[in-house]
Amino acid sequence: MRRIVSLLVVACLTLGAVLFVAVPAGASVGAKTSPLCKALKSFDTGDVGNPTTPKGARKSLKGLKKLEAAAKGKTKAALSEIVDAYEQLADGKSARSVFTDGDVIKALGTFAVAAAKCFASDLPDITLPDIDLPDLTLPGR
């Protein structure tokens, strides 16, 4: 169970951050990048570490606090909840009790959505060619 909780937390926290590695620098043209998106680009996913140990949680707190400082609104509140969870882990509380809390799960989801939006805003505009489909009328109608 401990492994599953660890994998779930790491997956949620790094979902958006890992996606930035695949996007080439300067892919977005003319779009203003938010402070959170800038912070996510420089966020080292290795800092997420192993959140089930106090040592791993303390290491992860540094990067998460930088993201929290750059965020606004609901995302800032969500990151505050995540930072609180990591502080509890750093103080020795079990990962199972910390990450099964509904507020922490909701915060992880909110953060994942914000990170995904940052990733999506970095994608270049893609236009698809026009395709003419054949007439598919049924015989006798």
Protein backbone atom coordinates (compact mmCIF):
# COMPACT_ATOMS: atom_id res chain seq x y z
CA MET A 1 0.00 0.00 0.00
CA ARG A 2 2.85 2.31 0.81
CA ARG A 3 4.26 1.90 -2.70
CA ILE A 4 0.92 2.67 -4.29
CA VAL A 5 0.50 5.84 -2.24
CA SER A 6 4.03 6.89 -3.12
CA LEU A 7 3.49 6.28 -6.82
CA LEU A 8 0.19 8.14 -6.80
CA VAL A 9 1.67 11.19 -5.12
CA VAL A 10 4.74 11.30 -7.33
CA ALA A 11 2.62 10.83 -10.44
CA CYS A 12 0.26 13.66 -9.54
CA LEU A 13 2.99 16.09 -8.57
CA THR A 14 5.18 15.42 -11.55
CA LEU A 15 2.49 15.08 -14.20
CA GLY A 16 2.82 18.62 -15.45
CA ALA A 17 6.45 19.10 -14.58
CA VAL A 18 7.62 16.07 -16.56
CA LEU A 19 5.71 17.19 -19.63
CA PHE A 20 7.82 20.33 -19.87
CA VAL A 21 10.91 18.26 -20.59
CA ALA A 22 9.45 17.18 -23.92
CA VAL A 23 8.56 20.67 -25.10
CA PRO A 24 11.36 22.51 -26.90
CA ALA A 25 12.32 25.90 -25.54
CA GLY A 26 10.55 28.79 -27.25
CA ALA A 27 7.76 26.64 -28.69
CA SER A 28 5.17 29.18 -27.64
CA VAL A 29 5.05 32.31 -29.73
CA GLY A 30 3.72 35.54 -28.27
CA ALA A 31 2.05 33.99 -25.24
CA LYS A 32 2.85 35.48 -21.86
CA THR A 33 4.05 32.82 -19.45
CA SER A 34 2.69 32.91 -15.91
CA PRO A 35 5.08 32.86 -12.94
CA LEU A 36 3.84 29.37 -12.02
CA CYS A 37 4.57 28.06 -15.51
CA LYS A 38 8.04 29.60 -15.37
CA ALA A 39 8.62 28.01 -11.97
CA LEU A 40 7.41 24.64 -13.28
CA LYS A 41 9.90 24.82 -16.14
CA SER A 42 12.75 25.16 -13.68
CA PHE A 43 11.23 22.66 -11.22
CA ASP A 44 13.49 19.64 -10.89
CA THR A 45 11.27 16.58 -10.81
CA GLY A 46 14.04 14.84 -8.91
CA ASP A 47 13.19 17.14 -6.00
CA VAL A 48 9.90 15.32 -5.56
CA GLY A 49 11.95 12.43 -4.20
CA ASN A 50 10.36 9.73 -2.11
CA PRO A 51 7.53 11.38 -0.18
CA THR A 52 7.07 8.40 2.12
CA THR A 53 10.24 9.17 4.09
CA PRO A 54 10.92 12.25 6.22
CA LYS A 55 14.22 12.82 4.40
CA GLY A 56 12.55 12.66 0.97
CA ALA A 57 9.78 14.99 2.11
CA ARG A 58 12.25 17.60 3.41
CA LYS A 59 14.09 17.53 0.08
CA SER A 60 10.84 17.92 -1.86
CA LEU A 61 9.69 20.87 0.27
CA LYS A 62 12.25 23.24 -1.25
CA GLY A 63 10.91 22.93 -4.78
CA LEU A 64 7.29 22.84 -3.70
CA LYS A 65 7.66 26.06 -1.69
CA LYS A 66 9.06 27.80 -4.78
CA LEU A 67 6.07 26.65 -6.78
CA GLU A 68 3.74 27.81 -4.00
CA ALA A 69 5.32 31.26 -4.02
CA ALA A 70 4.82 31.57 -7.78
CA ALA A 71 1.20 30.38 -7.79
CA LYS A 72 -2.00 32.41 -7.41
CA GLY A 73 -5.57 31.74 -6.34
CA LYS A 74 -6.81 28.17 -6.13
CA THR A 75 -3.48 26.78 -7.29
CA LYS A 76 -1.67 28.60 -4.50
CA ALA A 77 -4.14 27.21 -1.96
CA ALA A 78 -3.68 23.72 -3.41
CA LEU A 79 0.11 23.99 -3.27
CA SER A 80 -0.17 25.26 0.29
CA GLU A 81 -2.11 22.10 1.16
CA ILE A 82 0.53 19.95 -0.58
CA VAL A 83 3.35 21.76 1.24
CA ASP A 84 1.54 21.18 4.54
CA ALA A 85 1.27 17.48 3.69
CA TYR A 86 4.98 17.27 2.94
CA GLU A 87 5.76 19.10 6.19
CA GLN A 88 3.73 16.48 8.06
CA LEU A 89 5.73 13.77 6.31
CA ALA A 90 8.97 15.54 7.21
CA ASP A 91 7.82 15.51 10.83
CA GLY A 92 7.42 11.73 10.69
CA LYS A 93 3.72 11.26 9.99
CA SER A 94 2.90 8.25 7.80
CA ALA A 95 2.34 8.74 4.06
CA ARG A 96 -0.81 6.68 4.27
CA SER A 97 -2.46 9.04 6.75
CA VAL A 98 -1.27 12.17 4.95
CA PHE A 99 -2.16 11.27 1.36
CA THR A 100 -5.50 9.61 2.06
CA ASP A 101 -6.88 12.93 3.31
CA GLY A 102 -9.54 14.23 0.91
CA ASP A 103 -8.19 17.78 1.00
CA VAL A 104 -4.71 16.63 -0.05
CA ILE A 105 -6.13 14.49 -2.86
CA LYS A 106 -8.19 17.44 -4.12
CA ALA A 107 -5.12 19.70 -3.89
CA LEU A 108 -3.06 17.23 -5.92
CA GLY A 109 -5.76 17.23 -8.59
CA THR A 110 -5.93 21.03 -8.69
CA PHE A 111 -2.17 21.24 -9.04
CA ALA A 112 -2.14 18.62 -11.79
CA VAL A 113 -4.73 20.60 -13.76
CA ALA A 114 -2.73 23.84 -13.38
CA ALA A 115 0.45 22.07 -14.50
CA ALA A 116 -1.35 20.58 -17.49
CA LYS A 117 -2.61 24.06 -18.46
CA CYS A 118 0.96 25.34 -18.37
CA PHE A 119 2.03 22.47 -20.59
CA ALA A 120 -0.84 23.08 -23.02
CA SER A 121 -0.02 26.78 -23.27
CA ASP A 122 3.51 25.86 -24.36
CA LEU A 123 2.39 23.71 -27.27
CA PRO A 124 2.66 25.30 -30.68
CA ASP A 125 -0.54 25.96 -32.58
CA ILE A 126 -1.39 23.05 -34.83
CA THR A 127 -3.64 23.39 -37.84
CA LEU A 128 -5.09 20.36 -39.48
CA PRO A 129 -5.65 20.22 -43.24
CA ASP A 130 -9.16 20.32 -44.65
CA ILE A 131 -10.39 16.88 -45.59
CA ASP A 132 -13.31 16.25 -47.94
CA LEU A 133 -15.28 13.22 -46.83
CA PRO A 134 -17.16 11.16 -49.42
CA ASP A 135 -20.94 11.22 -49.51
CA LEU A 136 -22.10 8.29 -47.38
CA THR A 137 -25.83 8.17 -48.16
CA LEU A 138 -27.50 4.79 -47.90
CA PRO A 139 -29.03 3.33 -51.07
CA GLY A 140 -32.79 3.64 -51.32
CA ARG A 141 -33.05 6.77 -49.19
